[in-house]
Amino acid sequence: MSCADRYRDLKGEPHMNKKIVLTTLFVLLVIVALLYGISRPGKRSAVIKEGDRAPEFSLASLDGATRSLSAYRGKIVLVHFWATWCPPCVDEIPVLEQLYRSLFGQEVEILAVSVDEGGAEAVGPFTRKNKLSFPVLLNPDRSVATRYGTLKFPETYVLDREGIVRLKAIGPKDWMYPQNLQAIKDLIAAKK
C-alpha cells in the first residue's frame, strides 16, 4: 500500500472533502451577499408603521390618469396593496368596495395599489367584473410597495388628513366590522 493510499484511508475520500469545503464556502458566500444586500444604506426601504408619514408616490391608474398621494391631502386615505392572484386580496376587495360606498362623500378615499405584473391587462377585467368605484393604481414593479416595506399582500395603511399612518393592517380585514368601521369614522370626525 502506497503512502497516498494510507493517507486516503486515514482522511477519507479526498474528493468528498473537497466537495464539502466548496459547498461550505458557497453557502458562506451566499450568506455574506445576503447580509451585504440587507445592510447597504439606501437600498432597503424602512417598514412603514403607525405614526410614520406615508411615503409620497405617483402611479398610473386604470383610467389612464396619474394619481399622486399628495393630491388627497386633507382626506382620510386607505392605501391598499393587493393583487388579483392573491386569494385573501380577492376576498377583501368587495368589502373595500362596500366600505367606499358606505363612506362616499365623507372625505375618505381608497387607493387600491395593484402589484400585478400584468398591469392593466391583469387588473382591468377584475375591476370591471367586481364593479369597483374607487381608484385602482398600477404598481407592477412593486416599487411603491417596496418603499412602504410591504412584502405580503394584502396590506392596508389608513392615513389621516396630514398623511400620517394611523392604522396598518397586514392581511385581510373586514372593514365593515363595527370596530374597524368606527376607527375610520373616528379619523373622519377628527377635524384639523
Protein backbone atom coordinates (compact mmCIF):
# COMPACT_ATOMS: atom_id res chain seq x y z
CA MET A 1 0.00 0.00 0.00
CA SER A 2 1.43 3.36 -1.00
CA CYS A 3 1.72 6.39 1.23
CA ALA A 4 -1.08 8.16 -0.70
CA ASP A 5 -3.40 5.17 -0.21
CA ARG A 6 -2.74 5.16 3.55
CA TYR A 7 -3.40 8.93 3.68
CA ARG A 8 -6.68 8.38 1.85
CA ASP A 9 -7.65 5.63 4.30
CA LEU A 10 -6.96 7.92 7.28
CA LYS A 11 -8.60 11.07 5.96
CA GLY A 12 -11.40 9.62 3.83
CA GLU A 13 -12.02 10.20 0.15
CA PRO A 14 -10.15 13.39 -0.89
CA HIS A 15 -12.79 14.32 -3.47
CA MET A 16 -15.52 14.16 -0.83
CA ASN A 17 -13.64 16.57 1.45
CA LYS A 18 -13.19 18.97 -1.47
CA LYS A 19 -16.95 18.91 -2.18
CA ILE A 20 -17.75 19.64 1.47
CA VAL A 21 -15.29 22.54 1.57
CA LEU A 22 -16.60 24.01 -1.69
CA THR A 23 -20.24 23.65 -0.59
CA THR A 24 -19.46 25.30 2.75
CA LEU A 25 -17.67 28.18 1.01
CA PHE A 26 -20.59 28.64 -1.37
CA VAL A 27 -23.11 28.76 1.49
CA LEU A 28 -20.95 31.28 3.35
CA LEU A 29 -20.66 33.47 0.24
CA VAL A 30 -24.44 33.45 -0.20
CA ILE A 31 -24.95 34.43 3.45
CA VAL A 32 -22.40 37.26 3.16
CA ALA A 33 -24.04 38.50 -0.06
CA LEU A 34 -27.46 38.50 1.57
CA LEU A 35 -26.21 40.31 4.65
CA TYR A 36 -24.40 42.86 2.48
CA GLY A 37 -27.55 43.49 0.44
CA ILE A 38 -29.68 43.93 3.56
CA SER A 39 -27.25 46.28 5.30
CA ARG A 40 -26.46 48.60 2.36
CA PRO A 41 -27.74 52.07 3.18
CA GLY A 42 -30.32 53.48 0.79
CA LYS A 43 -31.07 50.12 -0.81
CA ARG A 44 -33.56 48.84 1.74
CA SER A 45 -36.80 50.61 2.48
CA ALA A 46 -37.89 51.03 6.05
CA VAL A 47 -41.07 49.28 7.06
CA ILE A 48 -43.70 51.99 7.45
CA LYS A 49 -45.57 51.74 10.74
CA GLU A 50 -48.29 53.58 12.61
CA GLY A 51 -47.20 57.15 13.38
CA ASP A 52 -44.94 57.42 10.29
CA ARG A 53 -45.58 59.80 7.42
CA ALA A 54 -46.70 57.80 4.40
CA PRO A 55 -44.19 57.96 1.53
CA GLU A 56 -45.35 60.07 -1.41
CA PHE A 57 -45.99 58.33 -4.72
CA SER A 58 -47.49 58.90 -8.15
CA LEU A 59 -48.86 55.99 -10.16
CA ALA A 60 -50.90 55.44 -13.28
CA SER A 61 -54.48 54.42 -12.68
CA LEU A 62 -56.66 52.11 -14.71
CA ASP A 63 -58.47 55.13 -16.17
CA GLY A 64 -55.15 56.39 -17.60
CA ALA A 65 -54.68 59.28 -15.17
CA THR A 66 -51.68 59.66 -12.92
CA ARG A 67 -52.63 59.83 -9.26
CA SER A 68 -50.41 61.27 -6.53
CA LEU A 69 -50.91 60.57 -2.86
CA SER A 70 -50.38 64.27 -2.07
CA ALA A 71 -53.49 65.15 -4.12
CA TYR A 72 -55.57 63.50 -1.39
CA ARG A 73 -54.12 65.51 1.49
CA GLY A 74 -56.99 66.70 3.68
CA LYS A 75 -58.84 63.38 3.26
CA ILE A 76 -58.66 60.09 5.10
CA VAL A 77 -56.90 57.71 2.68
CA LEU A 78 -56.66 53.94 2.67
CA VAL A 79 -53.60 52.89 0.67
CA HIS A 80 -54.33 49.25 -0.07
CA PHE A 81 -51.68 46.97 -1.66
CA TRP A 82 -53.18 43.91 -3.36
CA ALA A 83 -53.08 41.58 -6.38
CA THR A 84 -55.59 39.58 -8.41
CA TRP A 85 -53.54 36.38 -7.88
CA CYS A 86 -53.83 36.72 -4.08
CA PRO A 87 -56.93 34.87 -2.72
CA PRO A 88 -57.19 36.93 0.52
CA CYS A 89 -56.90 40.12 -1.59
CA VAL A 90 -59.69 38.97 -3.90
CA ASP A 91 -61.86 38.20 -0.86
CA GLU A 92 -61.20 41.61 0.70
CA ILE A 93 -61.86 43.78 -2.39
CA PRO A 94 -65.70 43.54 -2.19
CA VAL A 95 -65.52 44.60 1.48
CA LEU A 96 -63.43 47.63 0.49
CA GLU A 97 -65.99 48.48 -2.18
CA GLN A 98 -68.75 48.24 0.42
CA LEU A 99 -66.75 50.50 2.77
CA TYR A 100 -66.12 53.01 -0.01
CA ARG A 101 -69.80 53.19 -0.93
CA SER A 102 -70.88 53.50 2.70
CA LEU A 103 -68.48 56.41 3.31
CA PHE A 104 -68.86 58.08 -0.09
CA GLY A 105 -68.85 61.86 0.28
CA GLN A 106 -67.29 61.78 3.75
CA GLU A 107 -63.76 62.85 2.76
CA VAL A 108 -62.47 59.28 2.51
CA GLU A 109 -60.55 57.82 -0.42
CA ILE A 110 -59.33 54.31 -1.16
CA LEU A 111 -56.29 53.94 -3.39
CA ALA A 112 -56.04 50.27 -4.33
CA VAL A 113 -52.45 49.74 -5.48
CA SER A 114 -52.24 46.59 -7.61
CA VAL A 115 -48.89 44.82 -7.73
CA ASP A 116 -49.97 42.54 -10.58
CA GLU A 117 -47.09 42.14 -13.04
CA GLY A 118 -49.58 42.13 -15.90
CA GLY A 119 -50.64 45.70 -15.11
CA ALA A 120 -53.90 46.93 -16.64
CA GLU A 121 -54.39 43.74 -18.67
CA ALA A 122 -54.46 41.67 -15.48
CA VAL A 123 -56.37 44.12 -13.31
CA GLY A 124 -58.90 45.68 -15.70
CA PRO A 125 -61.16 42.63 -16.17
CA PHE A 126 -61.16 42.00 -12.41
CA THR A 127 -62.20 45.58 -11.55
CA ARG A 128 -64.94 45.60 -14.20
CA LYS A 129 -66.29 42.24 -13.00
CA ASN A 130 -66.37 43.48 -9.39
CA LYS A 131 -67.69 46.95 -10.35
CA LEU A 132 -65.07 48.79 -8.31
CA SER A 133 -65.72 52.50 -7.94
CA PHE A 134 -62.54 53.53 -6.11
CA PRO A 135 -59.27 54.31 -7.94
CA VAL A 136 -57.10 51.32 -8.84
CA LEU A 137 -53.44 52.22 -9.32
CA LEU A 138 -50.85 50.11 -11.11
CA ASN A 139 -47.53 49.20 -9.48
CA PRO A 140 -46.34 46.15 -11.47
CA ASP A 141 -42.68 46.64 -10.46
CA ARG A 142 -43.72 46.88 -6.78
CA SER A 143 -41.58 50.00 -6.31
CA VAL A 144 -44.18 51.77 -4.16
CA ALA A 145 -44.99 48.61 -2.19
CA THR A 146 -41.26 48.23 -1.53
CA ARG A 147 -40.99 51.85 -0.39
CA TYR A 148 -43.68 51.08 2.20
CA GLY A 149 -41.90 47.90 3.25
CA THR A 150 -44.84 45.80 2.05
CA LEU A 151 -43.86 42.26 1.19
CA LYS A 152 -47.09 40.39 1.92
CA PHE A 153 -50.48 41.07 0.41
CA PRO A 154 -52.99 42.42 1.15
CA GLU A 155 -51.66 45.23 3.30
CA THR A 156 -53.50 48.48 4.07
CA TYR A 157 -52.37 51.79 5.52
CA VAL A 158 -55.04 54.16 6.85
CA LEU A 159 -53.76 57.73 6.67
CA ASP A 160 -55.09 60.78 8.48
CA ARG A 161 -55.67 64.13 6.75
CA GLU A 162 -51.97 65.02 7.11
CA GLY A 163 -50.71 61.78 5.57
CA ILE A 164 -49.70 60.11 8.84
CA VAL A 165 -50.31 56.35 9.14
CA ARG A 166 -52.90 55.88 11.90
CA LEU A 167 -53.70 52.23 11.26
CA LYS A 168 -51.81 49.47 9.47
CA ALA A 169 -53.46 46.17 8.59
CA ILE A 170 -51.34 43.25 7.44
CA GLY A 171 -53.52 40.64 5.83
CA PRO A 172 -57.20 40.87 5.00
CA LYS A 173 -59.52 42.84 7.26
CA ASP A 174 -63.28 43.07 7.50
CA TRP A 175 -63.54 46.85 7.13
CA MET A 176 -67.29 46.74 7.75
CA TYR A 177 -66.85 45.11 11.16
CA PRO A 178 -68.20 47.73 13.60
CA GLN A 179 -64.91 48.25 15.45
CA ASN A 180 -62.93 48.69 12.21
CA LEU A 181 -65.56 50.97 10.67
CA GLN A 182 -65.62 53.06 13.85
CA ALA A 183 -61.84 53.53 13.74
CA ILE A 184 -62.19 55.09 10.29
CA LYS A 185 -65.21 57.17 11.34
CA ASP A 186 -63.17 58.47 14.31
CA LEU A 187 -60.50 59.68 11.88
CA ILE A 188 -63.18 61.36 9.77
CA ALA A 189 -64.56 63.09 12.87
CA ALA A 190 -61.12 64.32 13.96
CA LYS A 191 -61.03 67.65 12.15
CA LYS A 192 -57.80 69.60 11.69
